[in-house]
Protein backbone atom coordinates (compact mmCIF):
# COMPACT_ATOMS: atom_id res chain seq x y z
CA MET A 1 -4.51 -27.12 9.96
CA ASN A 2 -3.23 -30.59 9.15
CA ASP A 3 0.40 -30.34 10.23
CA PRO A 4 0.73 -30.89 13.99
CA VAL A 5 4.32 -29.58 13.99
CA LEU A 6 3.27 -26.25 12.50
CA ALA A 7 0.28 -26.06 14.83
CA SER A 8 2.32 -26.67 17.98
CA LYS A 9 5.05 -24.23 16.93
CA MET A 10 2.46 -21.55 16.19
CA VAL A 11 1.01 -21.96 19.69
CA MET A 12 4.51 -21.82 21.18
CA ILE A 13 5.32 -18.62 19.30
CA ALA A 14 2.10 -16.98 20.52
CA HIS A 15 2.86 -17.99 24.11
CA CYS A 16 6.47 -16.79 24.00
CA VAL A 17 5.53 -13.48 22.37
CA ALA A 18 2.93 -12.86 25.08
CA ARG A 19 5.43 -13.69 27.85
CA ALA A 20 8.20 -11.50 26.44
CA ARG A 21 5.81 -8.57 26.09
CA GLU A 22 4.34 -9.18 29.54
CA GLU A 23 7.78 -8.83 31.13
CA TYR A 24 8.52 -5.61 29.29
CA ASP A 25 5.03 -4.14 29.75
CA LYS A 26 5.05 -4.64 33.55
CA ASP A 27 7.09 -1.45 33.74
CA PRO A 28 9.16 -0.36 30.76
CA ILE A 29 11.10 2.14 32.89
CA THR A 30 12.42 -0.47 35.35
CA PHE A 31 12.86 -3.17 32.67
CA PHE A 32 16.50 -2.23 32.00
CA GLY A 33 17.46 -2.56 35.66
CA ASP A 34 15.64 -5.85 36.34
CA ILE A 35 17.84 -8.69 35.12
CA THR A 36 15.20 -11.32 35.93
CA ARG A 37 12.63 -9.68 33.68
CA ARG A 38 15.21 -9.01 30.96
CA ASP A 39 16.29 -12.65 31.04
CA ALA A 40 12.68 -13.86 30.90
CA ALA A 41 11.97 -11.62 27.92
CA THR A 42 15.19 -12.65 26.17
CA LEU A 43 14.57 -16.36 26.67
CA ASN A 44 11.02 -16.06 25.36
CA VAL A 45 12.22 -14.13 22.31
CA LEU A 46 14.76 -16.89 21.67
CA ARG A 47 12.18 -19.64 22.11
CA ALA A 48 9.77 -17.92 19.71
CA TRP A 49 12.56 -17.45 17.15
CA GLU A 50 13.66 -21.09 17.47
CA ALA A 51 10.07 -22.23 16.94
CA ALA A 52 9.82 -20.04 13.83
CA VAL A 53 13.04 -21.47 12.41
CA GLU A 54 11.78 -25.00 13.13
CA MET A 55 8.49 -24.19 11.37
CA GLY A 56 10.46 -22.95 8.40
CA ASP A 57 12.63 -26.05 8.37
CA GLU A 58 9.51 -28.22 8.43
CA VAL A 59 8.00 -26.46 5.41
CA ILE A 60 11.29 -26.38 3.51
CA GLY A 61 11.83 -30.10 4.07
CA THR A 62 8.25 -31.10 3.31
CA HIS A 63 8.05 -29.07 0.11
CA ALA A 64 11.67 -29.54 -1.04
CA LEU A 65 12.44 -25.83 -1.18
CA GLY A 66 16.19 -26.25 -0.80
CA THR A 67 18.75 -26.66 1.95
CA PRO A 68 19.26 -23.67 4.23
CA GLY A 69 22.83 -23.03 5.29
CA ASP A 70 21.77 -21.12 8.40
CA GLU A 71 18.72 -19.72 10.15
CA ARG A 72 18.62 -16.57 8.03
CA GLU A 73 18.55 -18.65 4.86
CA VAL A 74 15.41 -20.41 6.11
CA PHE A 75 13.56 -17.12 5.65
CA THR A 76 15.24 -16.47 2.30
CA LEU A 77 14.17 -19.87 0.93
CA LEU A 78 10.61 -19.44 2.15
CA ALA A 79 10.37 -16.01 0.52
CA ALA A 80 11.83 -17.38 -2.72
CA GLY A 81 9.27 -20.20 -2.61
CA GLY A 82 6.38 -17.77 -2.13
CA TRP A 83 5.55 -18.87 1.41
CA ILE A 84 6.27 -15.45 2.94
CA ASP A 85 6.83 -12.05 1.40
CA ALA A 86 10.32 -10.62 0.98
CA ALA A 87 9.74 -7.75 3.42
CA LEU A 88 8.77 -10.18 6.18
CA ALA A 89 11.84 -12.30 5.41
CA GLU A 90 14.05 -9.22 5.85
CA ASP A 91 12.37 -8.33 9.15
CA LEU A 92 12.91 -11.87 10.41
CA LYS A 93 16.57 -11.75 9.39
CA ARG A 94 17.01 -8.64 11.56
CA THR A 95 15.45 -10.49 14.50
CA SER A 96 17.83 -13.35 13.72
CA GLU A 97 20.80 -11.03 14.23
CA PHE A 98 19.66 -10.34 17.79
CA CYS A 99 19.05 -14.03 18.47
CA ARG A 100 22.39 -15.14 16.97
CA ALA A 101 24.23 -12.67 19.21
CA GLU A 102 22.47 -14.13 22.25
CA PHE A 103 23.19 -17.72 21.18
CA ASP A 104 26.86 -16.90 20.65
CA TYR A 105 27.07 -15.47 24.18
CA GLN A 106 27.62 -11.96 22.86
CA ALA A 107 25.06 -10.09 24.87
CA ALA A 108 22.98 -8.05 22.47
CA PRO A 109 22.47 -4.45 23.55
CA LEU A 110 19.37 -3.83 25.65
CA PRO A 111 17.87 -1.36 23.17
CA ALA A 112 17.93 -4.20 20.61
CA LEU A 113 15.95 -6.41 23.00
CA VAL A 114 13.37 -3.66 23.49
CA THR A 115 13.09 -3.14 19.73
CA VAL A 116 12.57 -6.86 19.18
CA VAL A 117 9.96 -7.07 21.94
CA LYS A 118 8.09 -4.00 20.68
CA ARG A 119 8.25 -4.69 16.93
CA GLY A 120 10.15 -7.83 15.95
CA LEU A 121 7.78 -10.25 17.60
CA ASP A 122 4.94 -9.18 15.33
CA GLY A 123 6.97 -10.57 12.45
CA LEU A 124 7.30 -13.96 14.14
CA GLN A 125 3.54 -14.17 14.60
CA ALA A 126 2.88 -13.05 11.02
CA PHE A 127 5.37 -15.67 9.85
CA ALA A 128 3.64 -18.46 11.79
CA LEU A 129 0.24 -17.43 10.46
CA ALA A 130 1.55 -17.26 6.89
CA LEU A 131 3.00 -20.78 7.04
CA VAL A 132 -0.06 -22.33 8.68
CA THR A 133 -2.41 -20.61 6.23
CA ARG A 134 -0.38 -21.64 3.19
CA GLU A 135 0.00 -25.22 4.45
CA ALA A 136 -3.76 -25.49 4.95
CA LYS A 137 -4.29 -24.18 1.42
CA GLU A 138 -1.75 -26.65 0.01
CA ASN A 139 -3.46 -29.51 1.84
CA SER A 140 -6.96 -28.52 0.73
CA GLU A 141 -5.84 -28.21 -2.89
CA ALA A 142 -4.13 -31.60 -2.71
CA GLY A 143 -7.33 -33.09 -1.25
CA ALA A 144 -9.51 -31.48 -3.91
CA SER A 145 -7.33 -32.82 -6.71
CA GLY A 146 -7.36 -36.33 -5.28
CA ALA A 147 -3.65 -36.23 -4.43
CA ALA A 148 -2.49 -37.30 -1.01
CA PRO A 149 -2.14 -34.30 1.34
CA VAL A 150 1.40 -33.30 2.22
CA ALA A 151 2.16 -34.12 5.84
């Protein structure tokens, strides 16, 4: 893995996913009534999502894949460029809806948070792995052809 930005963001996503799940898994029944645990899970979901968007922006900028108009378009451009599959892009866009509501101070419903923690976070980790794997492949091919690796 040659890109330190992608590497650090991948580690951050893994950490945030683990923390969000840890808060929910402590006791799913009392999760709804414990604002501290809900806030911790929500903030870790947001941090993981932000890191994924930043990873996407890094790849898009480095490989001149276009100019995203918003966070959802980051995933669209990466799918169009073959960096992630279309189904993953759609899953990430659904997670983006939850995160946008939180950023806009429109509290997302608690069932949405639980859905993201239980299923949506897998998409963020798959996304990070896809970008890191593809970037490593791009760099190894550039090295094998004698071209300078893309940073």
